Structures are given as C-alpha cells and as structure tokens.
C-alpha cells in the first residue's frame, strides 16, 4: 500500500509502516523526531492490542505518579501562598514584604486552573434548548440511552473537532461541537461523535485530568519564568563585570529552564499516554450509542480529515454555506471511500507520537473493530439529521464571512 509519494508498506503485516520521512531541522532534532514517532508507533500498536479491561478506568502507575507529583506541587504552591502572606502581614521592614509579595505572585502563577464558565463560548456560540432544540434533544437521547451524564452547556464552534470538559468550582459539564465536523458526518455518525464525547463525561476523564493538571503544567510555567532573555551581553551593550554577571545569569537560567522543561516533557508523556487510553474507552461508548458500524465510519472520517479540511471554500452566497459545504464534503467522502483502508493505515504512520493525546485513527479502528459488534442504542432518521443540520447552518455563516475576508472577496 502507499499514499502519494510516501514509502509503501504491507497492509497485512504492517511491514515498513513505521518508516518515517526525515523531519526538518538539524541532525539532533531530526533524530529526536524519528525516535518519538517510532516510540509512538509502538505505543499505539500495543494499545490497540489490549482488551477492554486493560483500557478500563482502573488506576495505572502513570496516573498515580502524576497525581502524587501534583499533590506535592499543590502543597508547595499552598506553602508559598501562606508563607508569602505571613511575610507581608508580619514583615516590619521592606525586604520581607517584597519577598512575601513575590511568593504570593509565584503561587498565583502556579495555581491549578479550574476553567471559567464565562469563557466556554469564546470562539463559538452557546446554545440552549430554545435556540437549538434538535441538538439538545439528540444529546439528551444519547445521554439517557447510554447512562452518561447530560452536559449543562452546549457550545457550537468553528473547529474540526468536538470536546467535553468539566469546569469551574460548580463543575459545569460543557460539550463543544464543531460545525465543520458536524457537516461532514452523516446523522448516525453524529450520534457516534456525541456518544464518544459523552463517554468522557461518563468515565470522569475530566476529574482525572484535573488531578493530573499540576504535574502537567507547573514545570512548564516555571521553565518559562526562568528562561533567560535571548539578548546576550554584546547585544545589550554591556561590558566588564556587568556583562560577566549577565552571562552567568543567562547560563544558570538556561540550565534551570532546560531541567524544568525536561521534567515538563516527562510529565506530558505520562499524561498523553493516559489520555490515549481515555480515547479508546470513549470509542466504546461511541459504539454503544451509534452502533459499531457508525462508530467505525466516524473514525474513518478522522483519517480522511487531512483531505477534507481544505474544502470550506469562501465563494458561497449568504445563507448557503452549510448546504454547499455539506454537499462538497459528502461528495469528497464518497470519492475517498474506496481508499478508506489505505488512509486508515496511513494515519497510523502520520499520527504516531508519544506526545499525541489521541491514538492514530487507524489504531482506534483496529481496537474497536476487534470488539463484539454492538447495535445502536440511538437511531437517527435522515429527516432528523436534516433538522440538526438546519439548526447548525446559521453558525456556518460567520466561518464563511471570515474566509471571504481572508481571501479579499
């Protein structure tokens, strides 16, 4: 098998599928990229071969390690805040007060983020049951049929994606649905997409991410804080002892930043591996909601996206964007159907990385197709699908306007 001028591979045994083209950059950068992609290829292959119990919600060593590191970091941040407050209140002279304020500021920068309810619709539109009754009705049907929690908020946005999160102190459940992806999928595949996202809510993946968040973010924030300025002493016009001191600060800051970013990468690798397991679990919920056939077709669409995401053309009349784009996307999908198996396997090569939060679509398809066949819990008729597309059609117009402005039309 082969795609374009890519290296060929064996579709049956995957020989040469782990052949990766040279990346850009110097020798070291190219070597690191190839090592990462080959390791990601092996990790995805191992994940695709695991059974349901192995990818279930059981605790893993990686998750426990991240939670343990997060707990220590949260205690450190609390200690900084408390100590800084004590210095500010009790400090009788200027240096302790300044030190206390710096400690409080550092604790604020490193604090865990819960997300803000006021920002969930940035770049999109929050819809309620009155403005989008078909969308809410479908999401509710899928939640009730699968036993998943219902979202509290639904946001329609402009991404080729869908997502869920639980945010804020009140733990508000939010579901984001991207207009381009909804226009690409048929009605039963839309059920699969929503079922997948509700699977994340049912599996409490947001809670897992929250518990892992300090480990995955604090080292990176510290690394950026201590990273040295790019200007050297000569660029800044420094000389003598001042130049020497600046150079020493740059060296020390660079070393500290390197160590912190190395720790950040390590934590991210652990977290990405956990997230890939979460995606596999959510795929099972997708199949329960929409049936195995529709869930597998939806995964195939993900493998096709590199050949679909440039089809949102700007020269459409006002009010016709959704209809025109849906037809073009559907037609292109039809031409790619015969190549679905090839594109699926090619995605295993193209998307392999230890840093990826999602397994390659080809590996997800392998895992789900090896599970027992499931009938759909929710069946959507073509008429219901048309009503859904009619509701999201107005949200395609801002995308079309931005495209026309970008192209000067």
Foldseek 3Di string as FASTA:
>chain_A
DDDDPDDDADLPPRHPLLPDDFDDDDPVVRVVVSVFQSVLLVLLLVLLPDDDVVLALDDDPLLVVLLVVLVVVLVVLVVLQVCLVVQCVPPPDDPSVVSSVVSNVLSVLLPQFQDDPVCPQVQWAKDDCVLQVLVQVLLVLLCVLLVFDGAPIETEHADLAKAWAQGDPVRGIYIYDYLLVLLLAAPLLVQLRSLLRSLCRRSVVNVSCSSSVSQQPNLQSVLVVLAADPDACVNVVHDDPVNVVSVVSNVVSNVSSVVSVVSNVVSLLSVLSSLQSSSLSSLVSSCQARWLVSSLVSLLVVLCCVVLVVQQAQPDDQLCSSVVSSVVSNVVCVVCVVVSSVSLSSQSSVVRGSNHSHHRSNSSSSNSVPDDTHHHSDDDDNVSSVSNSVSCSVVVRVVSVVNCVVVVD
